[in-house]
Amino acid sequence: MFWRRKTEEDLPHDVDEESAAQDSSDLAPVRIFTLDAVIDGWVRIGGQRLSDVLNIEDLLSVSSVPTEPMDSNWFVVEREHMLAVVPPSHTSDRNVRLHRVRRRVVAETGHYTVRGLVHMIAGIDLDPMLARSRQHFLPITDAWVTSSVVTELNEEHAALLLNVAAPGRRIRLEVLG
């Protein structure tokens, strides 16, 4: 992927400034928790939910800079190395939302502990084995992330995607009520 800064000569004269700025504005912020590091970067998801992208793709391209990324600013993170991901904010269309029951959960993966809410269809329990077979990432809202290794890590996020299907990794997922 090659990017270069557009100049005024590159832009067609009949295109307004808003359309021209859209190329760099489709980057969305992301925070990725791995066993070794916390990665902050920018991704292109093309208007999709990041959870949908991560449940389909094995690799995620991440830029280390928010505007006009060059080839050298991009790197790839493998899905199996992601323990949790803080996605960009996304509001689903009200017409496609299902009524869900909120359940408090606590999850431990690697040296991270995640507490928050899982939105489940009424009458269906959260079965960790079932969750792993249906999707790689489980959305958790009102999430708190702490670490047993990094003592200053104590973060709150509106939403977090927890990798429940990483091969060879043990995850403890408990519904609190």
Protein backbone atom coordinates (compact mmCIF):
# COMPACT_ATOMS: atom_id res chain seq x y z
CA MET A 1 0.00 0.00 0.00
CA PHE A 2 1.54 3.32 -1.05
CA TRP A 3 0.36 6.69 0.10
CA ARG A 4 1.60 10.14 -0.71
CA ARG A 5 0.49 13.59 0.30
CA LYS A 6 -1.94 15.07 -2.21
CA THR A 7 -1.23 18.50 -3.54
CA GLU A 8 -3.74 20.94 -4.92
CA GLU A 9 -2.65 20.05 -8.48
CA ASP A 10 -3.55 16.39 -7.82
CA LEU A 11 -7.17 17.19 -6.98
CA PRO A 12 -9.77 17.59 -9.71
CA HIS A 13 -11.08 21.13 -9.76
CA ASP A 14 -14.74 20.07 -9.43
CA VAL A 15 -14.19 18.15 -6.15
CA ASP A 16 -15.02 19.96 -2.90
CA GLU A 17 -12.55 20.02 0.01
CA GLU A 18 -14.65 17.63 2.10
CA SER A 19 -14.38 14.86 -0.52
CA ALA A 20 -10.66 15.44 -0.86
CA ALA A 21 -10.10 15.14 2.88
CA GLN A 22 -12.02 11.84 3.05
CA ASP A 23 -8.98 9.78 1.95
CA SER A 24 -7.11 10.48 5.19
CA SER A 25 -10.21 10.74 7.38
CA ASP A 26 -11.20 7.08 6.97
CA LEU A 27 -8.47 6.07 9.41
CA ALA A 28 -9.89 5.06 12.78
CA PRO A 29 -8.03 4.75 16.11
CA VAL A 30 -7.42 1.32 17.61
CA ARG A 31 -5.70 0.00 20.75
CA ILE A 32 -4.50 -3.61 20.74
CA PHE A 33 -3.51 -5.55 23.85
CA THR A 34 -1.03 -8.36 23.18
CA LEU A 35 0.88 -10.49 25.63
CA ASP A 36 4.01 -8.38 25.08
CA ALA A 37 2.72 -4.86 24.45
CA VAL A 38 -0.13 -2.40 24.13
CA ILE A 39 -0.23 -1.10 20.56
CA ASP A 40 -1.87 2.21 19.64
CA GLY A 41 -2.45 2.83 15.96
CA TRP A 42 -4.85 3.55 13.14
CA VAL A 43 -6.79 1.17 10.88
CA ARG A 44 -8.87 1.39 7.73
CA ILE A 45 -12.09 -0.57 8.15
CA GLY A 46 -14.09 0.89 5.29
CA GLY A 47 -17.19 1.76 7.30
CA GLN A 48 -17.48 -1.74 8.77
CA ARG A 49 -17.46 -2.64 12.45
CA LEU A 50 -13.98 -3.65 13.56
CA SER A 51 -15.47 -6.74 15.25
CA ASP A 52 -16.76 -7.94 11.86
CA VAL A 53 -13.36 -7.37 10.25
CA LEU A 54 -11.51 -9.19 13.05
CA ASN A 55 -13.91 -12.15 13.01
CA ILE A 56 -13.21 -12.64 9.28
CA GLU A 57 -9.57 -11.62 8.76
CA ASP A 58 -6.47 -13.31 10.24
CA LEU A 59 -4.35 -10.16 9.93
CA LEU A 60 -4.97 -6.50 10.74
CA SER A 61 -2.96 -3.74 9.05
CA VAL A 62 -2.20 -0.93 11.49
CA SER A 63 -0.62 2.47 10.83
CA SER A 64 1.50 4.15 13.47
CA VAL A 65 0.47 7.64 12.26
CA PRO A 66 -3.05 9.10 11.94
CA THR A 67 -2.67 11.11 8.75
CA GLU A 68 -1.08 10.47 5.38
CA PRO A 69 0.53 7.13 6.30
CA MET A 70 3.40 5.99 4.12
CA ASP A 71 4.30 2.35 3.46
CA SER A 72 6.88 2.44 6.25
CA ASN A 73 4.23 3.42 8.84
CA TRP A 74 2.15 0.24 8.37
CA PHE A 75 2.64 -3.06 10.16
CA VAL A 76 0.55 -6.21 10.55
CA VAL A 77 -0.78 -7.74 13.76
CA GLU A 78 -1.93 -11.36 13.64
CA ARG A 79 -5.35 -12.04 15.14
CA GLU A 80 -4.01 -14.87 17.29
CA HIS A 81 -1.61 -12.45 19.03
CA MET A 82 -4.41 -10.03 19.97
CA LEU A 83 -5.77 -10.61 23.47
CA ALA A 84 -8.16 -7.66 23.36
CA VAL A 85 -8.84 -4.73 21.04
CA VAL A 86 -10.37 -1.33 21.74
CA PRO A 87 -12.31 -0.55 18.55
CA PRO A 88 -13.19 2.87 17.17
CA SER A 89 -16.60 4.10 18.24
CA HIS A 90 -19.46 2.77 16.13
CA THR A 91 -23.20 3.25 16.42
CA SER A 92 -25.33 0.57 14.79
CA ASP A 93 -28.50 1.41 12.94
CA ARG A 94 -31.45 1.20 15.36
CA ASN A 95 -33.39 -0.88 12.83
CA VAL A 96 -30.89 -3.76 12.99
CA ARG A 97 -30.40 -3.88 16.75
CA LEU A 98 -31.80 -6.82 18.72
CA HIS A 99 -33.05 -6.58 22.28
CA ARG A 100 -30.30 -7.89 24.51
CA VAL A 101 -29.93 -8.64 28.20
CA ARG A 102 -26.82 -7.21 29.86
CA ARG A 103 -24.71 -9.51 32.00
CA ARG A 104 -21.67 -8.54 34.07
CA VAL A 105 -18.59 -10.57 33.18
CA VAL A 106 -15.01 -10.89 34.25
CA ALA A 107 -12.42 -12.37 31.92
CA GLU A 108 -8.76 -13.19 32.39
CA THR A 109 -6.48 -13.61 29.41
CA GLY A 110 -2.72 -13.45 29.55
CA HIS A 111 -1.91 -11.01 32.35
CA TYR A 112 -5.00 -8.84 31.66
CA THR A 113 -8.28 -8.82 33.55
CA VAL A 114 -11.32 -7.38 31.78
CA ARG A 115 -14.57 -6.49 33.56
CA GLY A 116 -17.65 -5.21 31.80
CA LEU A 117 -21.00 -6.01 30.24
CA VAL A 118 -21.84 -8.61 27.62
CA HIS A 119 -25.09 -8.05 25.73
CA MET A 120 -26.78 -11.43 25.27
CA ILE A 121 -29.99 -12.53 23.63
CA ALA A 122 -32.61 -13.15 26.33
CA GLY A 123 -32.77 -16.79 27.43
CA ILE A 124 -29.31 -17.71 26.13
CA ASP A 125 -26.44 -18.20 28.55
CA LEU A 126 -22.87 -17.20 27.80
CA ASP A 127 -21.07 -20.47 27.15
CA PRO A 128 -17.34 -19.87 26.57
CA MET A 129 -17.08 -22.93 24.30
CA LEU A 130 -20.03 -21.76 22.21
CA ALA A 131 -18.65 -18.23 22.04
CA ARG A 132 -15.34 -19.57 20.70
CA SER A 133 -17.01 -21.60 17.97
CA ARG A 134 -19.13 -18.75 16.66
CA GLN A 135 -16.75 -15.81 16.71
CA HIS A 136 -13.19 -14.87 17.53
CA PHE A 137 -14.00 -11.66 19.40
CA LEU A 138 -16.62 -11.12 22.10
CA PRO A 139 -17.79 -7.49 22.45
CA ILE A 140 -17.75 -6.13 26.01
CA THR A 141 -19.10 -2.67 26.87
CA ASP A 142 -18.30 -0.43 29.85
CA ALA A 143 -15.02 -2.36 30.02
CA TRP A 144 -12.24 -1.98 32.60
CA VAL A 145 -8.83 -3.42 31.78
CA THR A 146 -6.18 -4.06 34.42
CA SER A 147 -2.94 -5.99 34.36
CA SER A 148 -1.17 -8.16 36.90
CA VAL A 149 2.18 -7.23 35.30
CA VAL A 150 1.78 -3.56 34.34
CA THR A 151 0.67 -1.99 37.63
CA GLU A 152 -0.24 1.40 36.16
CA LEU A 153 -2.60 -0.17 33.59
CA ASN A 154 -6.14 0.60 34.76
CA GLU A 155 -8.22 1.75 31.79
CA GLU A 156 -11.90 2.23 31.10
CA HIS A 157 -13.24 1.84 27.55
CA ALA A 158 -16.76 2.21 26.15
CA ALA A 159 -16.25 -1.01 24.20
CA LEU A 160 -13.62 -3.73 24.02
CA LEU A 161 -13.33 -6.82 21.84
CA LEU A 162 -12.03 -9.85 23.76
CA ASN A 163 -10.33 -12.59 21.74
CA VAL A 164 -12.03 -15.78 22.95
CA ALA A 165 -10.73 -18.05 20.19
CA ALA A 166 -6.95 -17.55 20.28
CA PRO A 167 -5.36 -20.98 19.76
CA GLY A 168 -3.28 -22.35 22.61
CA ARG A 169 -4.29 -19.62 25.04
CA ARG A 170 -6.30 -20.16 28.17
CA ILE A 171 -9.04 -17.69 28.87
CA ARG A 172 -11.25 -17.59 31.93
CA LEU A 173 -14.66 -16.07 31.29
CA GLU A 174 -17.20 -15.84 34.10
CA VAL A 175 -20.70 -14.35 34.16
CA LEU A 176 -21.21 -12.48 37.45
CA GLY A 177 -24.90 -11.80 37.19
